[in-house]
C-alpha atoms as a PDB file:
ATOM      1  CA  MET A   1      -0.838 -11.574  21.743  1.00  0.00           C
ATOM      2  CA  GLY A   2       0.391 -12.327  18.220  1.00  0.00           C
ATOM      3  CA  GLU A   3       1.079  -9.891  15.444  1.00  0.00           C
ATOM      4  CA  ALA A   4      -2.047  -8.305  13.965  1.00  0.00           C
ATOM      5  CA  ARG A   5      -2.433  -9.198  10.318  1.00  0.00           C
ATOM      6  CA  GLY A   6      -4.929  -8.361   7.682  1.00  0.00           C
ATOM      7  CA  SER A   7      -5.569  -8.597   4.004  1.00  0.00           C
ATOM      8  CA  ILE A   8      -8.145  -7.655   1.486  1.00  0.00           C
ATOM      9  CA  GLY A   9      -9.315 -10.368  -0.866  1.00  0.00           C
ATOM     10  CA  PHE A  10     -11.227  -9.634  -4.026  1.00  0.00           C
ATOM     11  CA  PHE A  11     -12.746 -11.940  -6.597  1.00  0.00           C
ATOM     12  CA  ALA A  12     -15.204 -11.301  -9.377  1.00  0.00           C
ATOM     13  CA  THR A  13     -16.406 -13.303 -12.325  1.00  0.00           C
ATOM     14  CA  TYR A  14     -16.525 -10.152 -14.418  1.00  0.00           C
ATOM     15  CA  ARG A  15     -14.762  -6.825 -14.555  1.00  0.00           C
ATOM     16  CA  PRO A  16     -16.802  -4.214 -12.684  1.00  0.00           C
ATOM     17  CA  PRO A  17     -17.821  -1.099 -14.633  1.00  0.00           C
ATOM     18  CA  VAL A  18     -15.766   1.225 -12.391  1.00  0.00           C
ATOM     19  CA  PRO A  19     -12.112   1.050 -11.301  1.00  0.00           C
ATOM     20  CA  LEU A  20     -11.409  -0.232  -7.802  1.00  0.00           C
ATOM     21  CA  ASP A  21      -9.122   1.626  -5.411  1.00  0.00           C
ATOM     22  CA  VAL A  22      -7.256   0.780  -2.210  1.00  0.00           C
ATOM     23  CA  TYR A  23      -7.095   3.085   0.833  1.00  0.00           C
ATOM     24  CA  SER A  24      -5.255   2.936   4.150  1.00  0.00           C
ATOM     25  CA  CYS A  25      -5.656   4.557   7.543  1.00  0.00           C
ATOM     26  CA  PRO A  26      -4.304   4.090  11.063  1.00  0.00           C
ATOM     27  CA  ILE A  27      -6.425   2.161  13.538  1.00  0.00           C
ATOM     28  CA  PRO A  28      -8.347   3.879  14.972  1.00  0.00           C
ATOM     29  CA  PRO A  29      -8.469   6.810  12.550  1.00  0.00           C
ATOM     30  CA  ALA A  30      -8.614  10.214  14.213  1.00  0.00           C
ATOM     31  CA  SER A  31     -10.318  11.910  11.267  1.00  0.00           C
ATOM     32  CA  LYS A  32     -11.324  11.411   7.646  1.00  0.00           C
ATOM     33  CA  GLN A  33      -8.009  12.996   6.615  1.00  0.00           C
ATOM     34  CA  ASP A  34      -6.213   9.920   8.019  1.00  0.00           C
ATOM     35  CA  GLU A  35      -7.555   7.877   5.095  1.00  0.00           C
ATOM     36  CA  LEU A  36      -5.061   7.921   2.224  1.00  0.00           C
ATOM     37  CA  HIS A  37      -5.566   6.824  -1.349  1.00  0.00           C
ATOM     38  CA  MET A  38      -2.969   4.089  -1.976  1.00  0.00           C
ATOM     39  CA  THR A  39      -3.659   3.805  -5.717  1.00  0.00           C
ATOM     40  CA  ASP A  40      -3.754   6.125  -8.716  1.00  0.00           C
ATOM     41  CA  GLY A  41      -7.542   6.575  -8.846  1.00  0.00           C
ATOM     42  CA  ASP A  42      -7.809   5.400 -12.459  1.00  0.00           C
ATOM     43  CA  SER A  43      -6.834   1.730 -12.498  1.00  0.00           C
ATOM     44  CA  TYR A  44      -8.388  -1.519 -11.363  1.00  0.00           C
ATOM     45  CA  ASN A  45      -6.602  -2.512  -8.140  1.00  0.00           C
ATOM     46  CA  TYR A  46      -7.156  -5.598  -6.015  1.00  0.00           C
ATOM     47  CA  ASP A  47      -5.662  -8.218  -3.699  1.00  0.00           C
ATOM     48  CA  ALA A  48      -3.909  -5.648  -1.524  1.00  0.00           C
ATOM     49  CA  GLN A  49      -1.700  -7.005   1.249  1.00  0.00           C
ATOM     50  CA  VAL A  50       0.117  -5.187   4.017  1.00  0.00           C
ATOM     51  CA  ILE A  51       3.869  -5.699   3.642  1.00  0.00           C
ATOM     52  CA  PRO A  52       5.275  -7.138   6.906  1.00  0.00           C
ATOM     53  CA  PRO A  53       8.032  -4.957   8.429  1.00  0.00           C
ATOM     54  CA  ALA A  54      10.797  -7.531   7.845  1.00  0.00           C
ATOM     55  CA  ALA A  55       9.863  -7.851   4.171  1.00  0.00           C
ATOM     56  CA  LEU A  56       9.555  -4.075   3.783  1.00  0.00           C
ATOM     57  CA  LYS A  57      13.064  -3.604   5.185  1.00  0.00           C
ATOM     58  CA  THR A  58      14.388  -6.065   2.602  1.00  0.00           C
ATOM     59  CA  MET A  59      12.520  -4.306  -0.206  1.00  0.00           C
ATOM     60  CA  LEU A  60      13.918  -0.928   0.843  1.00  0.00           C
ATOM     61  CA  LYS A  61      17.420  -2.242   0.121  1.00  0.00           C
ATOM     62  CA  ARG A  62      16.581  -2.401  -3.594  1.00  0.00           C
ATOM     63  CA  PRO A  63      18.125   0.462  -5.602  1.00  0.00           C
ATOM     64  CA  LYS A  64      14.751   1.891  -6.712  1.00  0.00           C
ATOM     65  CA  LEU A  65      13.486   2.124  -3.125  1.00  0.00           C
ATOM     66  CA  ALA A  66      16.704   2.705  -1.153  1.00  0.00           C
ATOM     67  CA  SER A  67      16.429   6.484  -1.411  1.00  0.00           C
ATOM     68  CA  GLU A  68      12.827   6.479  -0.138  1.00  0.00           C
ATOM     69  CA  ALA A  69      13.245   5.199   3.423  1.00  0.00           C
ATOM     70  CA  THR A  70      15.430   3.199   5.802  1.00  0.00           C
ATOM     71  CA  ALA A  71      14.986   0.241   8.133  1.00  0.00           C
ATOM     72  CA  SER A  72      14.774   2.663  11.067  1.00  0.00           C
ATOM     73  CA  ASP A  73      11.830   4.397   9.324  1.00  0.00           C
ATOM     74  CA  VAL A  74      10.048   1.031   9.268  1.00  0.00           C
ATOM     75  CA  ASP A  75      10.933   0.307  12.915  1.00  0.00           C
ATOM     76  CA  SER A  76       9.620   3.702  14.034  1.00  0.00           C
ATOM     77  CA  GLY A  77       6.370   3.314  12.071  1.00  0.00           C
ATOM     78  CA  ARG A  78       7.156   6.296   9.844  1.00  0.00           C
ATOM     79  CA  VAL A  79       6.885   4.077   6.753  1.00  0.00           C
ATOM     80  CA  THR A  80       4.473   1.236   6.062  1.00  0.00           C
ATOM     81  CA  GLY A  81       3.699  -0.478   2.800  1.00  0.00           C
ATOM     82  CA  MET A  82       1.122  -2.361   0.786  1.00  0.00           C
ATOM     83  CA  ILE A  83       1.505  -4.470  -2.307  1.00  0.00           C
ATOM     84  CA  MET A  84      -1.355  -4.903  -4.761  1.00  0.00           C
ATOM     85  CA  VAL A  85      -2.228  -6.103  -8.220  1.00  0.00           C
ATOM     86  CA  SER A  86      -3.031  -3.236 -10.545  1.00  0.00           C
ATOM     87  CA  GLU A  87      -4.131  -3.051 -14.169  1.00  0.00           C
ATOM     88  CA  ARG A  88      -2.546   0.188 -15.357  1.00  0.00           C
ATOM     89  CA  THR A  89      -1.314  -0.303 -18.895  1.00  0.00           C
ATOM     90  CA  HIS A  90      -3.258  -2.151 -21.586  1.00  0.00           C
ATOM     91  CA  ASN A  91      -5.045  -4.289 -18.943  1.00  0.00           C
ATOM     92  CA  LEU A  92      -1.728  -5.860 -17.936  1.00  0.00           C
ATOM     93  CA  GLU A  93      -1.833  -7.072 -14.328  1.00  0.00           C
ATOM     94  CA  THR A  94       1.306  -6.031 -12.461  1.00  0.00           C
ATOM     95  CA  LEU A  95       2.350  -5.802  -8.825  1.00  0.00           C
ATOM     96  CA  HIS A  96       2.662  -2.311  -7.377  1.00  0.00           C
ATOM     97  CA  ILE A  97       4.129  -1.247  -4.052  1.00  0.00           C
ATOM     98  CA  ALA A  98       2.599   1.688  -2.199  1.00  0.00           C
ATOM     99  CA  LEU A  99       4.594   3.272   0.616  1.00  0.00           C
ATOM    100  CA  ARG A 100       2.747   5.309   3.238  1.00  0.00           C
ATOM    101  CA  PHE A 101       4.860   7.966   4.939  1.00  0.00           C
ATOM    102  CA  ASN A 102       3.357   8.832   8.321  1.00  0.00           C
ATOM    103  CA  ASP A 103       4.913  12.284   8.627  1.00  0.00           C
ATOM    104  CA  ASP A 104       3.170  15.425   9.913  1.00  0.00           C
ATOM    105  CA  THR A 105       1.312  15.431   6.610  1.00  0.00           C
ATOM    106  CA  PRO A 106       0.943  11.752   5.647  1.00  0.00           C
ATOM    107  CA  LYS A 107       1.604  10.951   1.988  1.00  0.00           C
ATOM    108  CA  VAL A 108       1.709   7.943  -0.307  1.00  0.00           C
ATOM    109  CA  LYS A 109       4.192   7.060  -3.017  1.00  0.00           C
ATOM    110  CA  VAL A 110       3.388   4.227  -5.444  1.00  0.00           C
END
């Protein structure tokens, strides 16, 4: 069986009246606490994509991310990532990377 892939597509002809957020959870989730907020809760966020492991390993070599995790963290499933478009400052659309750390207490760093 091939690699499981997924994405979330979003399109609107107008800006909705409330900000949109992105969440993640393991499949299948064991409880509601498995669902983690991948965004800041204030901004408009859309077009989220899971970062493939090979690409995530390459990204983790960048100086800003190198201290966050290693390639072995990706291989073990401790770290996964998503990339999304987010409007955070003056309606400027920028790409943001969210890393999910699947430790005893899962956490997200954007």
